[in-house]
Amino acid sequence: MQGGPENTTTIDERHSSRVTVEINGASRELTLDNRTTLLDALREHLDLTGAKKGCDHGQCGSCTVLLDGRRVKSCLVFAVTVDGRSVVSVEGLAGPDELSPLQAAFIAHDAFQCGYCTPGQLCSARGMLDEVSRGWPSAVTGDLNSPADLTDAEIRERMAGNLCRCAAYPHIVAAVRETAGASGTAATR
């Protein structure tokens, strides 16, 4: 197309920011367009492709990561807002030579089929287990003055923001329940 704007990959400095963020334990410095989401920064700028772009509206949870230890839908977070903060993606859940207990439980319980939602499910489950260990109630927690029993209903409620189109939910619940039991979090059926 003649006379149109040139297609350029340079970042317009008027609309970009320098961001320093700890990603999976390593400090990274990026210059990003201010409109870049955390999901796009992870996938397109850092080659961390575990978090998936499912709906791009925060409805499916396939992009879930941990931001300062809390679950977030990375497609809804502007990357410039994570400057100076810590992000853990699915790639950072385990050490270099072994799976995390949660990842091992997902495999043992066949808690995935196509695998598309699995990274988001894993990050959400890790964040959910941390919330339970801190005593945070959910909408179905019966006694707000006691630690939550991680019943199947409690796990389902806490994982409700993550969809699995293959319907591996019973297996995901079993994997989370096993991990909770192994970590000392109260898990019951």
N, C-alpha and C. Protein backbone atom coordinates (compact mmCIF):
# COMPACT_ATOMS: atom_id res chain seq x y z
N MET A 1 0.85 -1.17 0.00
CA MET A 1 0.00 0.00 0.00
C MET A 1 0.89 1.24 0.00
N GLN A 2 0.74 2.06 -1.01
CA GLN A 2 1.58 3.25 -1.11
C GLN A 2 1.01 4.37 -0.25
N GLY A 3 1.91 5.14 0.32
CA GLY A 3 1.50 6.30 1.09
C GLY A 3 1.08 5.99 2.52
N GLY A 4 1.00 4.73 2.87
CA GLY A 4 0.58 4.33 4.22
C GLY A 4 1.75 4.33 5.18
N PRO A 5 1.45 4.16 6.47
CA PRO A 5 2.54 4.14 7.46
C PRO A 5 3.41 2.91 7.27
N GLU A 6 4.68 3.09 7.53
CA GLU A 6 5.61 1.97 7.41
C GLU A 6 5.37 1.00 8.55
N ASN A 7 5.50 -0.28 8.26
CA ASN A 7 5.41 -1.30 9.30
C ASN A 7 6.77 -1.38 9.97
N THR A 8 6.84 -1.02 11.23
CA THR A 8 8.11 -0.99 11.92
C THR A 8 8.00 -1.73 13.24
N THR A 9 9.07 -2.35 13.65
CA THR A 9 9.04 -3.09 14.91
C THR A 9 9.68 -2.29 16.04
N THR A 10 10.08 -1.05 15.76
CA THR A 10 10.67 -0.24 16.82
C THR A 10 9.56 0.24 17.75
N ILE A 11 9.92 0.46 18.99
CA ILE A 11 8.95 0.90 19.99
C ILE A 11 8.99 2.42 20.05
N ASP A 12 7.85 3.04 19.94
CA ASP A 12 7.73 4.49 20.05
C ASP A 12 8.02 4.86 21.50
N GLU A 13 9.08 5.59 21.73
CA GLU A 13 9.50 5.92 23.09
C GLU A 13 8.48 6.75 23.84
N ARG A 14 7.63 7.47 23.13
CA ARG A 14 6.61 8.27 23.81
C ARG A 14 5.53 7.39 24.43
N HIS A 15 5.39 6.17 23.93
CA HIS A 15 4.33 5.28 24.38
C HIS A 15 4.88 3.98 24.96
N SER A 16 6.08 4.06 25.49
CA SER A 16 6.70 2.84 26.04
C SER A 16 7.30 3.15 27.41
N SER A 17 7.54 2.08 28.14
CA SER A 17 8.13 2.21 29.47
C SER A 17 9.15 1.12 29.68
N ARG A 18 10.10 1.43 30.52
CA ARG A 18 11.09 0.45 30.93
C ARG A 18 10.54 -0.24 32.18
N VAL A 19 10.56 -1.57 32.18
CA VAL A 19 9.98 -2.36 33.26
C VAL A 19 11.04 -3.35 33.74
N THR A 20 11.25 -3.38 35.05
CA THR A 20 12.12 -4.38 35.65
C THR A 20 11.24 -5.27 36.50
N VAL A 21 11.27 -6.55 36.24
CA VAL A 21 10.39 -7.49 36.94
C VAL A 21 11.16 -8.78 37.21
N GLU A 22 10.87 -9.38 38.34
CA GLU A 22 11.45 -10.68 38.63
C GLU A 22 10.53 -11.74 38.04
N ILE A 23 11.07 -12.50 37.10
CA ILE A 23 10.29 -13.55 36.44
C ILE A 23 10.90 -14.89 36.82
N ASN A 24 10.14 -15.71 37.50
CA ASN A 24 10.60 -17.04 37.90
C ASN A 24 11.96 -16.99 38.60
N GLY A 25 12.13 -15.96 39.43
CA GLY A 25 13.35 -15.85 40.22
C GLY A 25 14.48 -15.07 39.59
N ALA A 26 14.35 -14.66 38.33
CA ALA A 26 15.41 -13.92 37.65
C ALA A 26 14.92 -12.51 37.30
N SER A 27 15.75 -11.53 37.57
CA SER A 27 15.40 -10.15 37.25
C SER A 27 15.51 -9.94 35.74
N ARG A 28 14.48 -9.34 35.17
CA ARG A 28 14.47 -9.07 33.72
C ARG A 28 14.10 -7.61 33.51
N GLU A 29 14.76 -6.98 32.55
CA GLU A 29 14.47 -5.59 32.21
C GLU A 29 13.97 -5.55 30.78
N LEU A 30 12.83 -4.92 30.60
CA LEU A 30 12.21 -4.85 29.28
C LEU A 30 11.77 -3.42 28.97
N THR A 31 11.77 -3.06 27.71
CA THR A 31 11.14 -1.83 27.26
C THR A 31 9.92 -2.26 26.46
N LEU A 32 8.76 -1.86 26.95
CA LEU A 32 7.51 -2.35 26.37
C LEU A 32 6.57 -1.21 26.01
N ASP A 33 5.81 -1.42 24.97
CA ASP A 33 4.69 -0.54 24.66
C ASP A 33 3.78 -0.55 25.89
N ASN A 34 3.29 0.60 26.29
CA ASN A 34 2.48 0.70 27.50
C ASN A 34 1.20 -0.12 27.45
N ARG A 35 0.78 -0.51 26.26
CA ARG A 35 -0.45 -1.30 26.12
C ARG A 35 -0.20 -2.80 26.19
N THR A 36 1.04 -3.23 26.32
CA THR A 36 1.38 -4.65 26.34
C THR A 36 0.87 -5.30 27.62
N THR A 37 0.18 -6.40 27.47
CA THR A 37 -0.28 -7.12 28.65
C THR A 37 0.86 -7.97 29.21
N LEU A 38 0.71 -8.36 30.45
CA LEU A 38 1.69 -9.26 31.05
C LEU A 38 1.77 -10.55 30.26
N LEU A 39 0.63 -11.06 29.80
CA LEU A 39 0.63 -12.28 29.00
C LEU A 39 1.48 -12.12 27.75
N ASP A 40 1.28 -11.02 27.03
CA ASP A 40 2.06 -10.80 25.81
C ASP A 40 3.54 -10.57 26.11
N ALA A 41 3.84 -9.91 27.23
CA ALA A 41 5.24 -9.74 27.61
C ALA A 41 5.90 -11.09 27.86
N LEU A 42 5.19 -11.96 28.58
CA LEU A 42 5.74 -13.29 28.86
C LEU A 42 5.96 -14.07 27.57
N ARG A 43 4.94 -14.12 26.74
CA ARG A 43 4.98 -14.96 25.54
C ARG A 43 5.85 -14.37 24.43
N GLU A 44 5.67 -13.09 24.13
CA GLU A 44 6.30 -12.50 22.96
C GLU A 44 7.67 -11.87 23.23
N HIS A 45 7.91 -11.46 24.47
CA HIS A 45 9.17 -10.77 24.77
C HIS A 45 10.12 -11.63 25.58
N LEU A 46 9.60 -12.60 26.30
CA LEU A 46 10.45 -13.44 27.15
C LEU A 46 10.45 -14.91 26.74
N ASP A 47 9.71 -15.26 25.71
CA ASP A 47 9.62 -16.63 25.20
C ASP A 47 9.17 -17.63 26.27
N LEU A 48 8.34 -17.18 27.20
CA LEU A 48 7.74 -18.06 28.20
C LEU A 48 6.31 -18.33 27.73
N THR A 49 6.14 -19.42 27.01
CA THR A 49 4.88 -19.68 26.32
C THR A 49 3.95 -20.61 27.08
N GLY A 50 4.23 -20.88 28.35
CA GLY A 50 3.36 -21.74 29.14
C GLY A 50 1.98 -21.14 29.31
N ALA A 51 1.90 -19.89 29.76
CA ALA A 51 0.60 -19.21 29.90
C ALA A 51 0.01 -19.05 28.51
N LYS A 52 -1.25 -19.40 28.38
CA LYS A 52 -1.89 -19.41 27.06
C LYS A 52 -2.87 -18.26 26.90
N LYS A 53 -3.04 -17.82 25.65
CA LYS A 53 -4.04 -16.82 25.32
C LYS A 53 -5.28 -17.57 24.86
N GLY A 54 -6.22 -17.74 25.79
CA GLY A 54 -7.43 -18.48 25.46
C GLY A 54 -8.54 -17.57 25.00
N CYS A 55 -8.96 -16.67 25.86
CA CYS A 55 -10.09 -15.80 25.54
C CYS A 55 -9.69 -14.34 25.41
N ASP A 56 -8.58 -13.95 26.03
CA ASP A 56 -8.08 -12.57 26.04
C ASP A 56 -9.06 -11.62 26.73
N HIS A 57 -9.94 -12.18 27.58
CA HIS A 57 -10.93 -11.38 28.32
C HIS A 57 -10.97 -11.74 29.80
N GLY A 58 -10.05 -12.58 30.28
CA GLY A 58 -10.02 -12.96 31.68
C GLY A 58 -11.09 -13.94 32.10
N GLN A 59 -11.71 -14.62 31.15
CA GLN A 59 -12.81 -15.51 31.47
C GLN A 59 -12.42 -16.98 31.57
N CYS A 60 -11.32 -17.38 30.93
CA CYS A 60 -11.01 -18.82 30.87
C CYS A 60 -9.92 -19.25 31.85
N GLY A 61 -9.02 -18.36 32.23
CA GLY A 61 -7.97 -18.69 33.18
C GLY A 61 -6.76 -19.38 32.62
N SER A 62 -6.69 -19.60 31.32
CA SER A 62 -5.53 -20.30 30.75
C SER A 62 -4.26 -19.45 30.83
N CYS A 63 -4.40 -18.17 31.12
CA CYS A 63 -3.25 -17.27 31.23
C CYS A 63 -2.85 -17.00 32.68
N THR A 64 -3.41 -17.74 33.64
CA THR A 64 -3.16 -17.47 35.05
C THR A 64 -1.69 -17.64 35.40
N VAL A 65 -1.15 -16.65 36.11
CA VAL A 65 0.21 -16.68 36.67
C VAL A 65 0.11 -16.17 38.10
N LEU A 66 1.21 -16.24 38.82
CA LEU A 66 1.25 -15.70 40.18
C LEU A 66 1.98 -14.37 40.17
N LEU A 67 1.35 -13.34 40.68
CA LEU A 67 1.94 -12.01 40.78
C LEU A 67 2.08 -11.70 42.27
N ASP A 68 3.32 -11.61 42.72
CA ASP A 68 3.59 -11.45 44.16
C ASP A 68 2.86 -12.52 44.97
N GLY A 69 2.81 -13.73 44.41
CA GLY A 69 2.21 -14.87 45.10
C GLY A 69 0.71 -15.01 44.96
N ARG A 70 0.07 -14.08 44.27
CA ARG A 70 -1.38 -14.13 44.12
C ARG A 70 -1.74 -14.42 42.68
N ARG A 71 -2.83 -15.16 42.51
CA ARG A 71 -3.28 -15.51 41.16
C ARG A 71 -3.81 -14.29 40.42
N VAL A 72 -3.37 -14.15 39.16
CA VAL A 72 -3.91 -13.10 38.29
C VAL A 72 -4.09 -13.68 36.89
N LYS A 73 -5.03 -13.11 36.17
CA LYS A 73 -5.22 -13.44 34.76
C LYS A 73 -4.31 -12.48 34.00
N SER A 74 -3.22 -12.99 33.48
CA SER A 74 -2.19 -12.12 32.89
C SER A 74 -2.66 -11.38 31.65
N CYS A 75 -3.75 -11.81 31.04
CA CYS A 75 -4.27 -11.09 29.87
C CYS A 75 -4.95 -9.79 30.28
N LEU A 76 -5.23 -9.62 31.58
CA LEU A 76 -5.90 -8.42 32.08
C LEU A 76 -4.97 -7.45 32.78
N VAL A 77 -3.69 -7.80 32.89
CA VAL A 77 -2.72 -6.99 33.62
C VAL A 77 -1.77 -6.32 32.62
N PHE A 78 -1.69 -5.01 32.68
CA PHE A 78 -0.70 -4.33 31.84
C PHE A 78 0.68 -4.60 32.41
N ALA A 79 1.62 -4.92 31.56
CA ALA A 79 2.97 -5.26 31.99
C ALA A 79 3.64 -4.12 32.74
N VAL A 80 3.33 -2.88 32.39
CA VAL A 80 3.96 -1.75 33.07
C VAL A 80 3.58 -1.69 34.54
N THR A 81 2.49 -2.33 34.93
CA THR A 81 2.06 -2.31 36.33
C THR A 81 2.81 -3.31 37.19
N VAL A 82 3.61 -4.17 36.58
CA VAL A 82 4.36 -5.16 37.37
C VAL A 82 5.81 -4.74 37.59
N ASP A 83 6.13 -3.51 37.26
CA ASP A 83 7.48 -3.00 37.49
C ASP A 83 7.85 -3.15 38.98
N GLY A 84 8.97 -3.81 39.24
CA GLY A 84 9.44 -4.01 40.60
C GLY A 84 8.76 -5.14 41.35
N ARG A 85 7.97 -5.92 40.66
CA ARG A 85 7.22 -7.00 41.31
C ARG A 85 7.74 -8.36 40.88
N SER A 86 7.15 -9.41 41.44
CA SER A 86 7.58 -10.78 41.17
C SER A 86 6.47 -11.56 40.46
N VAL A 87 6.82 -12.22 39.38
CA VAL A 87 5.88 -13.04 38.61
C VAL A 87 6.41 -14.46 38.55
N VAL A 88 5.52 -15.43 38.80
CA VAL A 88 5.87 -16.84 38.60
C VAL A 88 4.90 -17.40 37.58
N SER A 89 5.45 -17.90 36.51
CA SER A 89 4.66 -18.57 35.48
C SER A 89 4.80 -20.08 35.69
N VAL A 90 4.12 -20.85 34.89
CA VAL A 90 4.19 -22.31 35.04
C VAL A 90 5.63 -22.80 34.91
N GLU A 91 6.44 -22.10 34.11
CA GLU A 91 7.83 -22.50 33.93
C GLU A 91 8.63 -22.38 35.23
N GLY A 92 8.15 -21.58 36.17
CA GLY A 92 8.87 -21.36 37.42
C GLY A 92 8.33 -22.14 38.61
N LEU A 93 7.36 -23.01 38.40
CA LEU A 93 6.78 -23.76 39.52
C LEU A 93 7.69 -24.85 40.05
N ALA A 94 8.60 -25.32 39.25
CA ALA A 94 9.46 -26.43 39.66
C ALA A 94 10.93 -26.08 39.44
N GLY A 95 11.78 -26.89 39.99
CA GLY A 95 13.21 -26.73 39.76
C GLY A 95 13.58 -27.23 38.38
N PRO A 96 14.83 -27.07 37.99
CA PRO A 96 15.23 -27.45 36.63
C PRO A 96 15.23 -28.96 36.38
N ASP A 97 15.33 -29.75 37.44
CA ASP A 97 15.47 -31.19 37.24
C ASP A 97 14.32 -32.04 37.74
N GLU A 98 13.32 -31.41 38.36
CA GLU A 98 12.20 -32.21 38.86
C GLU A 98 10.91 -31.41 38.85
N LEU A 99 9.81 -32.13 38.83
CA LEU A 99 8.50 -31.49 38.86
C LEU A 99 8.17 -31.06 40.28
N SER A 100 7.29 -30.08 40.40
CA SER A 100 6.77 -29.72 41.71
C SER A 100 5.80 -30.83 42.13
N PRO A 101 5.50 -30.96 43.42
CA PRO A 101 4.51 -31.96 43.85
C PRO A 101 3.17 -31.79 43.14
N LEU A 102 2.77 -30.55 42.90
CA LEU A 102 1.51 -30.30 42.20
C LEU A 102 1.56 -30.81 40.76
N GLN A 103 2.65 -30.54 40.07
CA GLN A 103 2.78 -31.02 38.70
C GLN A 103 2.80 -32.55 38.67
N ALA A 104 3.49 -33.17 39.60
CA ALA A 104 3.53 -34.64 39.67
C ALA A 104 2.14 -35.20 39.93
N ALA A 105 1.36 -34.53 40.79
CA ALA A 105 0.00 -34.99 41.08
C ALA A 105 -0.89 -34.84 39.85
N PHE A 106 -0.70 -33.77 39.07
CA PHE A 106 -1.48 -33.62 37.83
C PHE A 106 -1.20 -34.78 36.89
N ILE A 107 0.05 -35.19 36.80
CA ILE A 107 0.38 -36.33 35.93
C ILE A 107 -0.20 -37.61 36.50
N ALA A 108 -0.02 -37.85 37.80
CA ALA A 108 -0.50 -39.09 38.43
C ALA A 108 -2.01 -39.23 38.32
N HIS A 109 -2.75 -38.13 38.35
CA HIS A 109 -4.21 -38.18 38.30
C HIS A 109 -4.76 -37.89 36.90
N ASP A 110 -3.89 -37.80 35.91
CA ASP A 110 -4.31 -37.52 34.54
C ASP A 110 -5.20 -36.27 34.51
N ALA A 111 -4.73 -35.22 35.16
CA ALA A 111 -5.53 -34.00 35.33
C ALA A 111 -5.40 -33.05 34.14
N PHE A 112 -5.24 -33.60 32.98
CA PHE A 112 -5.18 -32.80 31.76
C PHE A 112 -5.51 -33.72 30.61
N GLN A 113 -6.00 -33.16 29.53
CA GLN A 113 -6.20 -33.95 28.33
C GLN A 113 -5.46 -33.29 27.19
N CYS A 114 -6.01 -32.21 26.65
CA CYS A 114 -5.28 -31.55 25.57
C CYS A 114 -4.10 -30.75 26.11
N GLY A 115 -4.17 -30.32 27.37
CA GLY A 115 -3.07 -29.61 28.00
C GLY A 115 -3.09 -28.10 27.83
N TYR A 116 -4.03 -27.57 27.06
CA TYR A 116 -4.04 -26.14 26.81
C TYR A 116 -4.25 -25.33 28.08
N CYS A 117 -5.16 -25.76 28.93
CA CYS A 117 -5.46 -25.00 30.15
C CYS A 117 -4.54 -25.36 31.31
N THR A 118 -3.75 -26.42 31.17
CA THR A 118 -2.97 -26.96 32.29
C THR A 118 -2.03 -25.94 32.93
N PRO A 119 -1.28 -25.13 32.19
CA PRO A 119 -0.42 -24.15 32.87
C PRO A 119 -1.20 -23.20 33.77
N GLY A 120 -2.33 -22.71 33.29
CA GLY A 120 -3.17 -21.83 34.11
C GLY A 120 -3.77 -22.57 35.29
N GLN A 121 -4.18 -23.82 35.08
CA GLN A 121 -4.73 -24.63 36.18
C GLN A 121 -3.66 -24.83 37.25
N LEU A 122 -2.44 -25.13 36.84
CA LEU A 122 -1.35 -25.36 37.79
C LEU A 122 -1.04 -24.10 38.61
N CYS A 123 -0.92 -22.96 37.93
CA CYS A 123 -0.64 -21.72 38.66
C CYS A 123 -1.80 -21.35 39.58
N SER A 124 -3.02 -21.54 39.11
CA SER A 124 -4.17 -21.24 39.95
C SER A 124 -4.22 -22.17 41.16
N ALA A 125 -3.95 -23.45 40.95
CA ALA A 125 -3.95 -24.40 42.06
C ALA A 125 -2.87 -24.06 43.07
N ARG A 126 -1.68 -23.68 42.60
CA ARG A 126 -0.60 -23.29 43.52
C ARG A 126 -1.03 -22.07 44.35
N GLY A 127 -1.58 -21.08 43.68
CA GLY A 127 -2.06 -19.89 44.38
C GLY A 127 -3.19 -20.20 45.34
N MET A 128 -4.10 -21.07 44.94
CA MET A 128 -5.22 -21.46 45.77
C MET A 128 -4.76 -22.17 47.02
N LEU A 129 -3.80 -23.08 46.88
CA LEU A 129 -3.28 -23.80 48.04
C LEU A 129 -2.57 -22.84 49.01
N ASP A 130 -1.89 -21.84 48.48
CA ASP A 130 -1.26 -20.83 49.32
C ASP A 130 -2.31 -20.00 50.06
N GLU A 131 -3.41 -19.67 49.38
CA GLU A 131 -4.51 -18.93 50.03
C GLU A 131 -5.09 -19.73 51.19
N VAL A 132 -5.29 -21.02 50.97
CA VAL A 132 -5.85 -21.88 52.02
C VAL A 132 -4.89 -21.94 53.20
N SER A 133 -3.59 -22.07 52.93
CA SER A 133 -2.62 -22.15 54.02
C SER A 133 -2.56 -20.85 54.82
N ARG A 134 -2.95 -19.73 54.20
CA ARG A 134 -2.99 -18.45 54.92
C ARG A 134 -4.33 -18.23 55.61
N GLY A 135 -5.26 -19.18 55.46
CA GLY A 135 -6.55 -19.08 56.14
C GLY A 135 -7.60 -18.25 55.43
N TRP A 136 -7.41 -17.99 54.15
CA TRP A 136 -8.38 -17.20 53.41
C TRP A 136 -9.61 -18.04 53.10
N PRO A 137 -10.81 -17.56 53.42
CA PRO A 137 -12.02 -18.32 53.11
C PRO A 137 -12.44 -18.13 51.66
N SER A 138 -13.33 -19.00 51.21
CA SER A 138 -13.94 -18.85 49.90
C SER A 138 -15.43 -18.63 50.11
N ALA A 139 -16.18 -18.55 49.02
CA ALA A 139 -17.62 -18.37 49.12
C ALA A 139 -18.32 -19.58 49.73
N VAL A 140 -17.69 -20.75 49.73
CA VAL A 140 -18.33 -21.95 50.29
C VAL A 140 -17.70 -22.41 51.60
N THR A 141 -16.74 -21.66 52.14
CA THR A 141 -16.13 -22.03 53.41
C THR A 141 -17.21 -21.96 54.49
N GLY A 142 -17.38 -23.07 55.22
CA GLY A 142 -18.45 -23.15 56.21
C GLY A 142 -18.20 -22.33 57.45
N ASP A 143 -17.06 -22.49 58.07
CA ASP A 143 -16.75 -21.82 59.33
C ASP A 143 -15.61 -20.83 59.10
N LEU A 144 -15.94 -19.56 59.16
CA LEU A 144 -14.94 -18.53 58.87
C LEU A 144 -13.93 -18.35 59.99
N ASN A 145 -14.20 -18.97 61.14
CA ASN A 145 -13.29 -18.85 62.28
C ASN A 145 -12.34 -20.03 62.40
N SER A 146 -12.43 -20.99 61.49
CA SER A 146 -11.56 -22.17 61.51
C SER A 146 -10.89 -22.31 60.15
N PRO A 147 -9.77 -23.03 60.11
CA PRO A 147 -9.15 -23.28 58.79
C PRO A 147 -10.12 -24.02 57.87
N ALA A 148 -10.09 -23.66 56.60
CA ALA A 148 -10.99 -24.28 55.62
C ALA A 148 -10.62 -25.74 55.41
N ASP A 149 -11.64 -26.61 55.42
CA ASP A 149 -11.44 -27.99 55.00
C ASP A 149 -11.45 -27.99 53.49
N LEU A 150 -10.44 -28.57 52.89
CA LEU A 150 -10.37 -28.58 51.44
C LEU A 150 -11.21 -29.73 50.89
N THR A 151 -12.51 -29.56 50.96
CA THR A 151 -13.43 -30.54 50.39
C THR A 151 -13.42 -30.39 48.88
N ASP A 152 -14.00 -31.35 48.19
CA ASP A 152 -14.08 -31.23 46.73
C ASP A 152 -14.84 -29.97 46.34
N ALA A 153 -15.91 -29.65 47.09
CA ALA A 153 -16.69 -28.43 46.79
C ALA A 153 -15.83 -27.18 47.00
N GLU A 154 -15.02 -27.19 48.05
CA GLU A 154 -14.14 -26.04 48.32
C GLU A 154 -13.11 -25.88 47.20
N ILE A 155 -12.53 -26.99 46.76
CA ILE A 155 -11.54 -26.93 45.67
C ILE A 155 -12.20 -26.44 44.39
N ARG A 156 -13.37 -26.98 44.08
CA ARG A 156 -14.08 -26.55 42.85
C ARG A 156 -14.38 -25.06 42.89
N GLU A 157 -14.85 -24.57 44.02
CA GLU A 157 -15.16 -23.14 44.15
C GLU A 157 -13.91 -22.30 43.94
N ARG A 158 -12.83 -22.69 44.57
CA ARG A 158 -11.60 -21.90 44.49
C ARG A 158 -10.96 -21.97 43.10
N MET A 159 -11.23 -23.02 42.35
CA MET A 159 -10.67 -23.17 41.00
C MET A 159 -11.66 -22.75 39.91
N ALA A 160 -12.79 -22.17 40.30
CA ALA A 160 -13.86 -21.87 39.35
C ALA A 160 -13.45 -20.88 38.26
N GLY A 161 -12.42 -20.10 38.46
CA GLY A 161 -11.99 -19.14 37.44
C GLY A 161 -11.15 -19.73 36.34
N ASN A 162 -10.95 -21.05 36.38
CA ASN A 162 -10.15 -21.72 35.35
C ASN A 162 -11.01 -22.77 34.66
N LEU A 163 -11.19 -22.59 33.37
CA LEU A 163 -12.01 -23.51 32.60
C LEU A 163 -11.17 -24.59 31.94
N CYS A 164 -11.75 -25.78 31.81
CA CYS A 164 -11.13 -26.88 31.08
C CYS A 164 -12.16 -27.38 30.08
N ARG A 165 -11.92 -27.14 28.82
CA ARG A 165 -12.88 -27.54 27.79
C ARG A 165 -12.94 -29.06 27.61
N CYS A 166 -11.92 -29.76 28.09
CA CYS A 166 -11.91 -31.22 28.00
C CYS A 166 -12.60 -31.88 29.19
N ALA A 167 -13.00 -31.09 30.18
CA ALA A 167 -13.73 -31.57 31.36
C ALA A 167 -12.91 -32.51 32.22
N ALA A 168 -11.66 -32.16 32.48
CA ALA A 168 -10.80 -32.96 33.36
C ALA A 168 -10.98 -32.55 34.82
N TYR A 169 -12.06 -31.86 35.13
CA TYR A 169 -12.26 -31.32 36.48
C TYR A 169 -12.13 -32.34 37.60
N PRO A 170 -12.74 -33.54 37.51
CA PRO A 170 -12.59 -34.49 38.63
C PRO A 170 -11.13 -34.86 38.88
N HIS A 171 -10.35 -34.95 37.84
CA HIS A 171 -8.93 -35.29 37.96
C HIS A 171 -8.12 -34.12 38.53
N ILE A 172 -8.50 -32.90 38.14
CA ILE A 172 -7.83 -31.71 38.68
C ILE A 172 -8.11 -31.62 40.18
N VAL A 173 -9.36 -31.82 40.56
CA VAL A 173 -9.72 -31.78 41.98
C VAL A 173 -8.93 -32.84 42.76
N ALA A 174 -8.82 -34.04 42.21
CA ALA A 174 -8.07 -35.12 42.88
C ALA A 174 -6.59 -34.75 43.03
N ALA A 175 -6.01 -34.15 42.00
CA ALA A 175 -4.59 -33.75 42.07
C ALA A 175 -4.38 -32.66 43.11
N VAL A 176 -5.28 -31.69 43.17
CA VAL A 176 -5.17 -30.62 44.15
C VAL A 176 -5.36 -31.19 45.56
N ARG A 177 -6.34 -32.08 45.71
CA ARG A 177 -6.59 -32.70 47.02
C ARG A 177 -5.35 -33.47 47.50
N GLU A 178 -4.73 -34.24 46.59
CA GLU A 178 -3.53 -34.99 46.97
C GLU A 178 -2.40 -34.05 47.37
N THR A 179 -2.20 -32.99 46.61
CA THR A 179 -1.13 -32.03 46.93
C THR A 179 -1.41 -31.35 48.26
N ALA A 180 -2.65 -30.99 48.50
CA ALA A 180 -3.02 -30.37 49.77
C ALA A 180 -2.74 -31.31 50.93
N GLY A 181 -3.07 -32.58 50.78
CA GLY A 181 -2.81 -33.56 51.83
C GLY A 181 -1.34 -33.73 52.10
N ALA A 182 -0.55 -33.71 51.05
CA ALA A 182 0.90 -33.90 51.20
C ALA A 182 1.55 -32.69 51.83
N SER A 183 0.94 -31.49 51.64
CA SER A 183 1.53 -30.27 52.20
C SER A 183 1.01 -29.96 53.59
N GLY A 184 0.07 -30.78 54.08
CA GLY A 184 -0.46 -30.55 55.43
C GLY A 184 -1.67 -29.65 55.46
N THR A 185 -2.17 -29.21 54.30
CA THR A 185 -3.40 -28.43 54.25
C THR A 185 -4.55 -29.40 54.42
N ALA A 186 -5.52 -29.04 55.21
CA ALA A 186 -6.65 -29.95 55.49
C ALA A 186 -7.41 -30.27 54.21
N ALA A 187 -7.33 -31.51 53.77
CA ALA A 187 -8.02 -31.93 52.56
C ALA A 187 -8.92 -33.12 52.87
N THR A 188 -10.19 -32.98 52.59
CA THR A 188 -11.15 -34.05 52.79
C THR A 188 -12.02 -34.17 51.55
N ARG A 189 -12.74 -35.26 51.45
CA ARG A 189 -13.67 -35.42 50.32
C ARG A 189 -14.92 -34.72 50.68
